[in-house]
Amino acid sequence: MQTTKRLLLLFTLVFTVLSCSTDDDGNDSGDTSGEGQITAQIDGSSFTSASISTSATVQSAGGNDSLIILGTNSDGQAIQITLLGFDGEGDYTISPTSAINAASYTEANVSNPTQTQSWQAPYADGPEGNVDVTSYDGSSIEGTFSFTGRNASDDSLRAVTQGAFNIDIQ
């Protein structure tokens, strides 16, 4: 599981560094997302991903689908949601008792990548998170989410609330 988290963090960091853009479509409300964006409140501060660096991918392996949603912004912040056993519209729990679904919030430090910080969910004895896929037609996906992530290096917490996504499937 630790290797998976490291790979997710590495993927997020590389994607963030390569995708940084000053083009932000400007939907800062935090309760709805513009097309091709992820929005959320991170401990009360607005996060909006840039459309150019936001993606949703559904992959099939051994008869099970997985969904990976990733969005970054020009400040080096990223949100990633992974749902293993994805089955279309519905409610998915991020829980310490079930490690099949995960979410993370990352603050990349481009000038010093070793100082990049990431908050992961689930974590032992942590609160649950939730992803509600409200619309999925095979070519686009919409929904809402919230989770609390823990930083393994200093045990700090980040509350990711009022999350929403509206993304074309790649």
N, C-alpha and C. Protein backbone atom coordinates (compact mmCIF):
# COMPACT_ATOMS: atom_id res chain seq x y z
N MET A 1 0.83 -1.19 0.00
CA MET A 1 0.00 0.00 0.00
C MET A 1 0.87 1.25 0.00
N GLN A 2 1.99 1.24 0.75
CA GLN A 2 2.89 2.38 0.80
C GLN A 2 3.46 2.67 -0.57
N THR A 3 3.81 1.63 -1.35
CA THR A 3 4.32 1.81 -2.70
C THR A 3 3.28 2.47 -3.58
N THR A 4 2.02 2.07 -3.45
CA THR A 4 0.94 2.68 -4.23
C THR A 4 0.81 4.15 -3.90
N LYS A 5 0.85 4.50 -2.63
CA LYS A 5 0.75 5.91 -2.24
C LYS A 5 1.92 6.72 -2.79
N ARG A 6 3.12 6.13 -2.75
CA ARG A 6 4.28 6.83 -3.30
C ARG A 6 4.14 7.03 -4.80
N LEU A 7 3.65 6.01 -5.50
CA LEU A 7 3.45 6.15 -6.94
C LEU A 7 2.39 7.21 -7.26
N LEU A 8 1.30 7.23 -6.48
CA LEU A 8 0.28 8.25 -6.69
C LEU A 8 0.84 9.65 -6.44
N LEU A 9 1.65 9.79 -5.38
CA LEU A 9 2.26 11.09 -5.09
C LEU A 9 3.22 11.49 -6.19
N LEU A 10 4.05 10.54 -6.66
CA LEU A 10 4.98 10.83 -7.73
C LEU A 10 4.24 11.23 -9.00
N PHE A 11 3.19 10.47 -9.36
CA PHE A 11 2.39 10.81 -10.54
C PHE A 11 1.80 12.21 -10.41
N THR A 12 1.25 12.51 -9.23
CA THR A 12 0.66 13.83 -9.00
C THR A 12 1.70 14.92 -9.14
N LEU A 13 2.87 14.72 -8.55
CA LEU A 13 3.93 15.72 -8.60
C LEU A 13 4.40 15.94 -10.03
N VAL A 14 4.67 14.86 -10.76
CA VAL A 14 5.12 15.00 -12.15
C VAL A 14 4.06 15.69 -12.99
N PHE A 15 2.81 15.28 -12.85
CA PHE A 15 1.72 15.88 -13.60
C PHE A 15 1.60 17.36 -13.27
N THR A 16 1.75 17.71 -11.98
CA THR A 16 1.66 19.10 -11.55
C THR A 16 2.76 19.94 -12.17
N VAL A 17 3.99 19.46 -12.09
CA VAL A 17 5.12 20.21 -12.61
C VAL A 17 5.00 20.40 -14.12
N LEU A 18 4.61 19.35 -14.82
CA LEU A 18 4.52 19.43 -16.28
C LEU A 18 3.29 20.18 -16.76
N SER A 19 2.29 20.31 -15.93
CA SER A 19 1.02 20.89 -16.37
C SER A 19 0.75 22.28 -15.84
N CYS A 20 1.68 22.85 -15.08
CA CYS A 20 1.42 24.17 -14.50
C CYS A 20 1.12 25.17 -15.61
N SER A 21 0.10 25.96 -15.37
CA SER A 21 -0.36 26.93 -16.35
C SER A 21 -0.92 28.13 -15.61
N THR A 22 -0.84 29.31 -16.22
CA THR A 22 -1.45 30.47 -15.60
C THR A 22 -2.87 30.65 -16.07
N ASP A 23 -3.37 29.76 -16.92
CA ASP A 23 -4.74 29.82 -17.39
C ASP A 23 -5.66 29.13 -16.39
N ASP A 24 -6.43 29.92 -15.65
CA ASP A 24 -7.38 29.39 -14.68
C ASP A 24 -8.75 29.89 -15.08
N ASP A 25 -9.70 28.99 -15.25
CA ASP A 25 -11.00 29.37 -15.76
C ASP A 25 -11.85 30.13 -14.76
N GLY A 26 -11.39 30.26 -13.50
CA GLY A 26 -11.96 31.23 -12.59
C GLY A 26 -13.23 30.86 -11.86
N ASN A 27 -13.68 29.64 -11.82
CA ASN A 27 -14.86 29.29 -11.05
C ASN A 27 -14.40 29.00 -9.63
N ASP A 28 -14.53 29.99 -8.72
CA ASP A 28 -14.00 29.86 -7.37
C ASP A 28 -15.06 29.56 -6.34
N SER A 29 -16.27 29.24 -6.72
CA SER A 29 -17.35 29.12 -5.75
C SER A 29 -17.16 27.96 -4.79
N GLY A 30 -16.47 26.90 -5.20
CA GLY A 30 -16.21 25.78 -4.33
C GLY A 30 -17.36 24.80 -4.22
N ASP A 31 -18.58 25.16 -4.66
CA ASP A 31 -19.69 24.22 -4.54
C ASP A 31 -20.14 23.68 -5.88
N THR A 32 -19.66 24.21 -6.96
CA THR A 32 -19.91 23.66 -8.29
C THR A 32 -18.63 23.79 -9.09
N SER A 33 -18.49 22.97 -10.09
CA SER A 33 -17.29 23.06 -10.91
C SER A 33 -17.68 23.41 -12.33
N GLY A 34 -16.80 24.17 -12.98
CA GLY A 34 -16.99 24.45 -14.39
C GLY A 34 -16.61 23.22 -15.18
N GLU A 35 -17.03 23.17 -16.41
CA GLU A 35 -16.71 22.01 -17.23
C GLU A 35 -15.20 21.85 -17.33
N GLY A 36 -14.74 20.65 -17.07
CA GLY A 36 -13.31 20.36 -17.14
C GLY A 36 -12.54 20.77 -15.91
N GLN A 37 -13.23 20.99 -14.79
CA GLN A 37 -12.56 21.46 -13.58
C GLN A 37 -12.93 20.65 -12.35
N ILE A 38 -12.07 20.79 -11.34
CA ILE A 38 -12.34 20.33 -9.99
C ILE A 38 -12.32 21.57 -9.12
N THR A 39 -13.30 21.72 -8.25
CA THR A 39 -13.30 22.81 -7.29
C THR A 39 -13.45 22.22 -5.89
N ALA A 40 -12.94 22.93 -4.90
CA ALA A 40 -13.07 22.49 -3.51
C ALA A 40 -12.65 23.62 -2.58
N GLN A 41 -12.91 23.41 -1.32
CA GLN A 41 -12.40 24.26 -0.26
C GLN A 41 -11.35 23.44 0.48
N ILE A 42 -10.14 23.99 0.62
CA ILE A 42 -9.07 23.33 1.35
C ILE A 42 -8.89 24.11 2.65
N ASP A 43 -9.34 23.55 3.75
CA ASP A 43 -9.33 24.27 5.04
C ASP A 43 -9.91 25.67 4.88
N GLY A 44 -10.95 25.80 4.06
CA GLY A 44 -11.64 27.08 3.88
C GLY A 44 -11.13 27.93 2.74
N SER A 45 -10.02 27.58 2.10
CA SER A 45 -9.49 28.35 0.97
C SER A 45 -9.91 27.69 -0.34
N SER A 46 -10.24 28.50 -1.32
CA SER A 46 -10.74 27.99 -2.60
C SER A 46 -9.65 27.33 -3.43
N PHE A 47 -10.01 26.21 -4.03
CA PHE A 47 -9.16 25.51 -4.98
C PHE A 47 -9.97 25.33 -6.26
N THR A 48 -9.38 25.69 -7.39
CA THR A 48 -9.98 25.44 -8.70
C THR A 48 -8.88 24.94 -9.62
N SER A 49 -9.07 23.77 -10.18
CA SER A 49 -8.07 23.24 -11.10
C SER A 49 -8.19 23.94 -12.45
N ALA A 50 -7.09 23.95 -13.18
CA ALA A 50 -7.08 24.47 -14.54
C ALA A 50 -7.61 23.38 -15.47
N SER A 51 -8.46 23.75 -16.39
CA SER A 51 -9.03 22.75 -17.32
C SER A 51 -7.95 21.97 -18.06
N ILE A 52 -6.87 22.64 -18.42
CA ILE A 52 -5.81 21.99 -19.19
C ILE A 52 -5.08 20.92 -18.38
N SER A 53 -5.14 21.01 -17.05
CA SER A 53 -4.43 20.04 -16.22
C SER A 53 -5.39 19.25 -15.33
N THR A 54 -6.57 18.99 -15.87
CA THR A 54 -7.58 18.20 -15.16
C THR A 54 -7.98 17.03 -16.04
N SER A 55 -8.04 15.84 -15.43
CA SER A 55 -8.37 14.66 -16.23
C SER A 55 -9.15 13.65 -15.41
N ALA A 56 -9.88 12.80 -16.11
CA ALA A 56 -10.57 11.66 -15.53
C ALA A 56 -10.33 10.48 -16.46
N THR A 57 -9.90 9.37 -15.87
CA THR A 57 -9.59 8.18 -16.64
C THR A 57 -10.25 6.97 -16.00
N VAL A 58 -10.92 6.17 -16.81
CA VAL A 58 -11.47 4.90 -16.35
C VAL A 58 -10.65 3.80 -17.00
N GLN A 59 -10.12 2.91 -16.15
CA GLN A 59 -9.30 1.80 -16.64
C GLN A 59 -9.93 0.48 -16.21
N SER A 60 -9.86 -0.50 -17.09
CA SER A 60 -10.36 -1.84 -16.76
C SER A 60 -9.19 -2.78 -16.60
N ALA A 61 -9.26 -3.59 -15.54
CA ALA A 61 -8.23 -4.60 -15.29
C ALA A 61 -8.88 -5.79 -14.60
N GLY A 62 -8.83 -6.93 -15.23
CA GLY A 62 -9.36 -8.14 -14.64
C GLY A 62 -10.84 -8.08 -14.33
N GLY A 63 -11.61 -7.37 -15.15
CA GLY A 63 -13.04 -7.28 -14.95
C GLY A 63 -13.47 -6.20 -13.97
N ASN A 64 -12.52 -5.49 -13.39
CA ASN A 64 -12.85 -4.39 -12.47
C ASN A 64 -12.41 -3.07 -13.07
N ASP A 65 -13.25 -2.07 -12.95
CA ASP A 65 -12.91 -0.74 -13.43
C ASP A 65 -12.35 0.09 -12.27
N SER A 66 -11.46 1.00 -12.60
CA SER A 66 -10.98 1.98 -11.63
C SER A 66 -11.10 3.36 -12.27
N LEU A 67 -11.36 4.34 -11.43
CA LEU A 67 -11.49 5.73 -11.86
C LEU A 67 -10.40 6.54 -11.20
N ILE A 68 -9.69 7.33 -11.99
CA ILE A 68 -8.69 8.25 -11.45
C ILE A 68 -9.05 9.64 -11.93
N ILE A 69 -9.27 10.54 -10.97
CA ILE A 69 -9.56 11.94 -11.25
C ILE A 69 -8.39 12.75 -10.71
N LEU A 70 -7.85 13.65 -11.52
CA LEU A 70 -6.72 14.47 -11.11
C LEU A 70 -6.90 15.88 -11.64
N GLY A 71 -6.67 16.85 -10.77
CA GLY A 71 -6.72 18.25 -11.18
C GLY A 71 -5.65 19.05 -10.46
N THR A 72 -4.95 19.89 -11.21
CA THR A 72 -3.93 20.76 -10.64
C THR A 72 -4.21 22.21 -11.03
N ASN A 73 -3.58 23.12 -10.29
CA ASN A 73 -3.70 24.52 -10.65
C ASN A 73 -2.32 25.15 -10.79
N SER A 74 -2.26 26.40 -11.15
CA SER A 74 -0.98 27.06 -11.40
C SER A 74 -0.20 27.33 -10.12
N ASP A 75 -0.81 27.15 -8.96
CA ASP A 75 -0.11 27.32 -7.68
C ASP A 75 0.58 26.03 -7.24
N GLY A 76 0.49 24.96 -8.03
CA GLY A 76 1.13 23.70 -7.69
C GLY A 76 0.30 22.85 -6.74
N GLN A 77 -0.97 23.17 -6.60
CA GLN A 77 -1.86 22.36 -5.76
C GLN A 77 -2.52 21.31 -6.64
N ALA A 78 -2.79 20.15 -6.05
CA ALA A 78 -3.42 19.07 -6.82
C ALA A 78 -4.37 18.28 -5.93
N ILE A 79 -5.44 17.82 -6.53
CA ILE A 79 -6.36 16.89 -5.88
C ILE A 79 -6.44 15.66 -6.77
N GLN A 80 -6.31 14.48 -6.14
CA GLN A 80 -6.45 13.23 -6.87
C GLN A 80 -7.40 12.33 -6.11
N ILE A 81 -8.30 11.71 -6.86
CA ILE A 81 -9.27 10.75 -6.30
C ILE A 81 -9.12 9.46 -7.09
N THR A 82 -9.00 8.33 -6.38
CA THR A 82 -8.90 7.03 -7.01
C THR A 82 -9.99 6.12 -6.45
N LEU A 83 -10.83 5.61 -7.32
CA LEU A 83 -11.88 4.68 -6.93
C LEU A 83 -11.64 3.34 -7.62
N LEU A 84 -11.25 2.35 -6.84
CA LEU A 84 -11.07 1.00 -7.38
C LEU A 84 -12.41 0.30 -7.25
N GLY A 85 -12.77 -0.48 -8.24
CA GLY A 85 -14.10 -1.09 -8.25
C GLY A 85 -15.16 -0.10 -8.66
N PHE A 86 -14.78 0.87 -9.50
CA PHE A 86 -15.71 1.89 -9.98
C PHE A 86 -16.82 1.23 -10.80
N ASP A 87 -18.06 1.60 -10.49
CA ASP A 87 -19.22 0.98 -11.13
C ASP A 87 -20.24 2.02 -11.56
N GLY A 88 -19.78 3.20 -12.01
CA GLY A 88 -20.69 4.23 -12.50
C GLY A 88 -21.25 5.10 -11.39
N GLU A 89 -22.45 5.64 -11.63
CA GLU A 89 -23.07 6.55 -10.69
C GLU A 89 -23.27 5.88 -9.34
N GLY A 90 -23.07 6.65 -8.28
CA GLY A 90 -23.26 6.11 -6.94
C GLY A 90 -22.38 6.79 -5.93
N ASP A 91 -22.50 6.33 -4.70
CA ASP A 91 -21.79 6.88 -3.56
C ASP A 91 -20.62 5.97 -3.20
N TYR A 92 -19.41 6.52 -3.11
CA TYR A 92 -18.21 5.76 -2.80
C TYR A 92 -17.60 6.32 -1.52
N THR A 93 -17.28 5.46 -0.59
CA THR A 93 -16.74 5.87 0.70
C THR A 93 -15.22 5.75 0.70
N ILE A 94 -14.57 6.74 1.27
CA ILE A 94 -13.14 6.70 1.53
C ILE A 94 -13.03 6.44 3.03
N SER A 95 -12.58 5.24 3.38
CA SER A 95 -12.65 4.80 4.76
C SER A 95 -11.37 4.09 5.18
N PRO A 96 -10.96 4.26 6.43
CA PRO A 96 -9.79 3.52 6.91
C PRO A 96 -10.01 2.01 6.96
N THR A 97 -11.26 1.57 6.97
CA THR A 97 -11.53 0.14 7.00
C THR A 97 -11.53 -0.49 5.62
N SER A 98 -11.47 0.34 4.58
CA SER A 98 -11.45 -0.17 3.22
C SER A 98 -10.49 0.68 2.40
N ALA A 99 -9.38 0.12 2.01
CA ALA A 99 -8.34 0.88 1.30
C ALA A 99 -8.53 0.85 -0.22
N ILE A 100 -9.73 0.52 -0.71
CA ILE A 100 -9.90 0.45 -2.16
C ILE A 100 -10.16 1.81 -2.79
N ASN A 101 -10.57 2.80 -2.01
CA ASN A 101 -10.78 4.15 -2.51
C ASN A 101 -9.84 5.09 -1.76
N ALA A 102 -9.31 6.07 -2.46
CA ALA A 102 -8.34 6.98 -1.84
C ALA A 102 -8.47 8.37 -2.44
N ALA A 103 -7.99 9.34 -1.70
CA ALA A 103 -7.95 10.71 -2.19
C ALA A 103 -6.72 11.38 -1.60
N SER A 104 -6.24 12.40 -2.29
CA SER A 104 -5.09 13.15 -1.77
C SER A 104 -5.17 14.59 -2.22
N TYR A 105 -4.56 15.43 -1.40
CA TYR A 105 -4.36 16.84 -1.72
C TYR A 105 -2.86 17.09 -1.61
N THR A 106 -2.26 17.71 -2.63
CA THR A 106 -0.82 17.92 -2.68
C THR A 106 -0.51 19.39 -2.92
N GLU A 107 0.50 19.88 -2.22
CA GLU A 107 1.06 21.21 -2.46
C GLU A 107 2.48 21.00 -2.94
N ALA A 108 2.69 21.14 -4.25
CA ALA A 108 4.01 20.91 -4.84
C ALA A 108 4.91 22.12 -4.59
N ASN A 109 6.17 21.84 -4.36
CA ASN A 109 7.19 22.88 -4.25
C ASN A 109 8.12 22.67 -5.44
N VAL A 110 7.87 23.41 -6.52
CA VAL A 110 8.59 23.21 -7.76
C VAL A 110 10.07 23.54 -7.60
N SER A 111 10.40 24.55 -6.80
CA SER A 111 11.80 24.94 -6.63
C SER A 111 12.56 23.95 -5.73
N ASN A 112 11.83 23.21 -4.88
CA ASN A 112 12.46 22.21 -4.03
C ASN A 112 11.50 21.03 -3.86
N PRO A 113 11.46 20.12 -4.84
CA PRO A 113 10.49 19.02 -4.81
C PRO A 113 10.51 18.18 -3.53
N THR A 114 11.64 18.13 -2.83
CA THR A 114 11.67 17.36 -1.58
C THR A 114 10.81 18.00 -0.50
N GLN A 115 10.42 19.25 -0.69
CA GLN A 115 9.57 19.95 0.26
C GLN A 115 8.08 19.87 -0.11
N THR A 116 7.75 19.11 -1.16
CA THR A 116 6.36 18.91 -1.53
C THR A 116 5.63 18.19 -0.41
N GLN A 117 4.42 18.65 -0.10
CA GLN A 117 3.62 18.08 0.98
C GLN A 117 2.35 17.45 0.41
N SER A 118 1.95 16.33 0.99
CA SER A 118 0.75 15.64 0.54
C SER A 118 -0.06 15.16 1.73
N TRP A 119 -1.37 15.28 1.63
CA TRP A 119 -2.29 14.83 2.66
C TRP A 119 -3.15 13.72 2.05
N GLN A 120 -3.09 12.53 2.64
CA GLN A 120 -3.72 11.33 2.09
C GLN A 120 -4.94 10.90 2.90
N ALA A 121 -5.92 10.38 2.22
CA ALA A 121 -7.06 9.72 2.86
C ALA A 121 -7.29 8.42 2.12
N PRO A 122 -7.58 7.33 2.79
CA PRO A 122 -7.82 7.24 4.22
C PRO A 122 -6.51 7.10 4.98
N TYR A 123 -6.59 7.22 6.29
CA TYR A 123 -5.47 6.95 7.17
C TYR A 123 -6.03 6.31 8.44
N ALA A 124 -5.19 5.63 9.17
CA ALA A 124 -5.64 4.89 10.34
C ALA A 124 -6.38 5.80 11.31
N ASP A 125 -7.52 5.35 11.77
CA ASP A 125 -8.34 6.07 12.74
C ASP A 125 -8.82 7.43 12.24
N GLY A 126 -8.76 7.65 10.94
CA GLY A 126 -9.19 8.93 10.39
C GLY A 126 -10.66 8.94 10.05
N PRO A 127 -11.21 10.13 9.88
CA PRO A 127 -12.61 10.22 9.47
C PRO A 127 -12.78 9.75 8.03
N GLU A 128 -13.98 9.39 7.71
CA GLU A 128 -14.26 8.94 6.35
C GLU A 128 -14.42 10.12 5.41
N GLY A 129 -14.19 9.85 4.15
CA GLY A 129 -14.48 10.79 3.09
C GLY A 129 -15.55 10.19 2.21
N ASN A 130 -15.98 10.97 1.23
CA ASN A 130 -17.07 10.53 0.39
C ASN A 130 -16.90 11.09 -1.02
N VAL A 131 -17.23 10.27 -2.01
CA VAL A 131 -17.30 10.70 -3.40
C VAL A 131 -18.66 10.27 -3.91
N ASP A 132 -19.43 11.20 -4.43
CA ASP A 132 -20.75 10.91 -4.97
C ASP A 132 -20.73 11.20 -6.47
N VAL A 133 -20.71 10.16 -7.28
CA VAL A 133 -20.75 10.31 -8.74
C VAL A 133 -22.21 10.47 -9.13
N THR A 134 -22.59 11.67 -9.54
CA THR A 134 -23.99 11.97 -9.84
C THR A 134 -24.35 11.77 -11.30
N SER A 135 -23.35 11.78 -12.19
CA SER A 135 -23.60 11.59 -13.60
C SER A 135 -22.38 10.95 -14.25
N TYR A 136 -22.61 9.85 -14.99
CA TYR A 136 -21.55 9.18 -15.71
C TYR A 136 -22.16 8.52 -16.93
N ASP A 137 -21.69 8.92 -18.12
CA ASP A 137 -22.24 8.34 -19.34
C ASP A 137 -21.18 7.68 -20.21
N GLY A 138 -20.00 7.45 -19.64
CA GLY A 138 -18.91 6.83 -20.39
C GLY A 138 -18.00 7.84 -21.06
N SER A 139 -18.50 9.06 -21.31
CA SER A 139 -17.66 10.08 -21.93
C SER A 139 -17.43 11.29 -21.03
N SER A 140 -18.23 11.43 -19.98
CA SER A 140 -18.02 12.50 -19.00
C SER A 140 -18.51 12.04 -17.63
N ILE A 141 -18.03 12.74 -16.61
CA ILE A 141 -18.37 12.37 -15.24
C ILE A 141 -18.53 13.64 -14.40
N GLU A 142 -19.54 13.63 -13.53
CA GLU A 142 -19.78 14.75 -12.62
C GLU A 142 -20.05 14.19 -11.23
N GLY A 143 -19.74 14.99 -10.23
CA GLY A 143 -20.03 14.56 -8.87
C GLY A 143 -19.48 15.52 -7.84
N THR A 144 -19.58 15.09 -6.59
CA THR A 144 -19.11 15.87 -5.46
C THR A 144 -18.25 14.99 -4.56
N PHE A 145 -17.46 15.62 -3.69
CA PHE A 145 -16.59 14.86 -2.80
C PHE A 145 -16.18 15.69 -1.59
N SER A 146 -15.73 14.99 -0.56
CA SER A 146 -15.10 15.61 0.60
C SER A 146 -14.25 14.55 1.29
N PHE A 147 -13.18 14.99 1.93
CA PHE A 147 -12.34 14.07 2.69
C PHE A 147 -11.42 14.88 3.59
N THR A 148 -10.88 14.22 4.59
CA THR A 148 -9.84 14.79 5.42
C THR A 148 -8.59 13.96 5.20
N GLY A 149 -7.50 14.62 4.83
CA GLY A 149 -6.25 13.92 4.58
C GLY A 149 -5.23 14.20 5.67
N ARG A 150 -4.33 13.24 5.86
CA ARG A 150 -3.27 13.38 6.86
C ARG A 150 -1.93 13.37 6.15
N ASN A 151 -1.04 14.27 6.58
CA ASN A 151 0.32 14.34 6.08
C ASN A 151 1.16 13.39 6.93
N ALA A 152 1.73 12.37 6.30
CA ALA A 152 2.49 11.36 7.03
C ALA A 152 3.77 11.92 7.65
N SER A 153 4.30 13.02 7.11
CA SER A 153 5.56 13.53 7.64
C SER A 153 5.39 14.34 8.92
N ASP A 154 4.24 15.00 9.11
CA ASP A 154 4.07 15.81 10.33
C ASP A 154 2.72 15.61 11.02
N ASP A 155 1.92 14.67 10.52
CA ASP A 155 0.59 14.33 11.08
C ASP A 155 -0.42 15.48 11.01
N SER A 156 -0.13 16.52 10.22
CA SER A 156 -1.11 17.60 10.06
C SER A 156 -2.28 17.10 9.22
N LEU A 157 -3.41 17.75 9.38
CA LEU A 157 -4.63 17.38 8.65
C LEU A 157 -5.05 18.51 7.73
N ARG A 158 -5.68 18.17 6.62
CA ARG A 158 -6.30 19.13 5.70
C ARG A 158 -7.71 18.64 5.44
N ALA A 159 -8.69 19.52 5.63
CA ALA A 159 -10.08 19.22 5.33
C ALA A 159 -10.38 19.71 3.91
N VAL A 160 -10.76 18.79 3.06
CA VAL A 160 -11.14 19.10 1.68
C VAL A 160 -12.66 18.96 1.63
N THR A 161 -13.37 20.09 1.49
CA THR A 161 -14.83 20.11 1.55
C THR A 161 -15.40 20.78 0.31
N GLN A 162 -16.71 20.65 0.13
CA GLN A 162 -17.44 21.28 -0.97
C GLN A 162 -16.80 20.98 -2.33
N GLY A 163 -16.23 19.78 -2.46
CA GLY A 163 -15.59 19.39 -3.71
C GLY A 163 -16.60 19.05 -4.78
N ALA A 164 -16.27 19.39 -6.01
CA ALA A 164 -17.12 19.08 -7.15
C ALA A 164 -16.23 18.88 -8.38
N PHE A 165 -16.68 18.03 -9.30
CA PHE A 165 -15.95 17.81 -10.55
C PHE A 165 -16.94 17.65 -11.69
N ASN A 166 -16.48 18.05 -12.87
CA ASN A 166 -17.26 17.95 -14.11
C ASN A 166 -16.23 17.80 -15.22
N ILE A 167 -15.94 16.56 -15.62
CA ILE A 167 -14.78 16.29 -16.45
C ILE A 167 -15.13 15.30 -17.56
N ASP A 168 -14.56 15.51 -18.74
CA ASP A 168 -14.66 14.54 -19.81
C ASP A 168 -13.70 13.38 -19.52
N ILE A 169 -14.14 12.16 -19.83
CA ILE A 169 -13.31 10.98 -19.65
C ILE A 169 -12.29 10.93 -20.78
N GLN A 170 -11.06 10.64 -20.44
CA GLN A 170 -10.00 10.55 -21.48
C GLN A 170 -9.80 9.13 -21.89
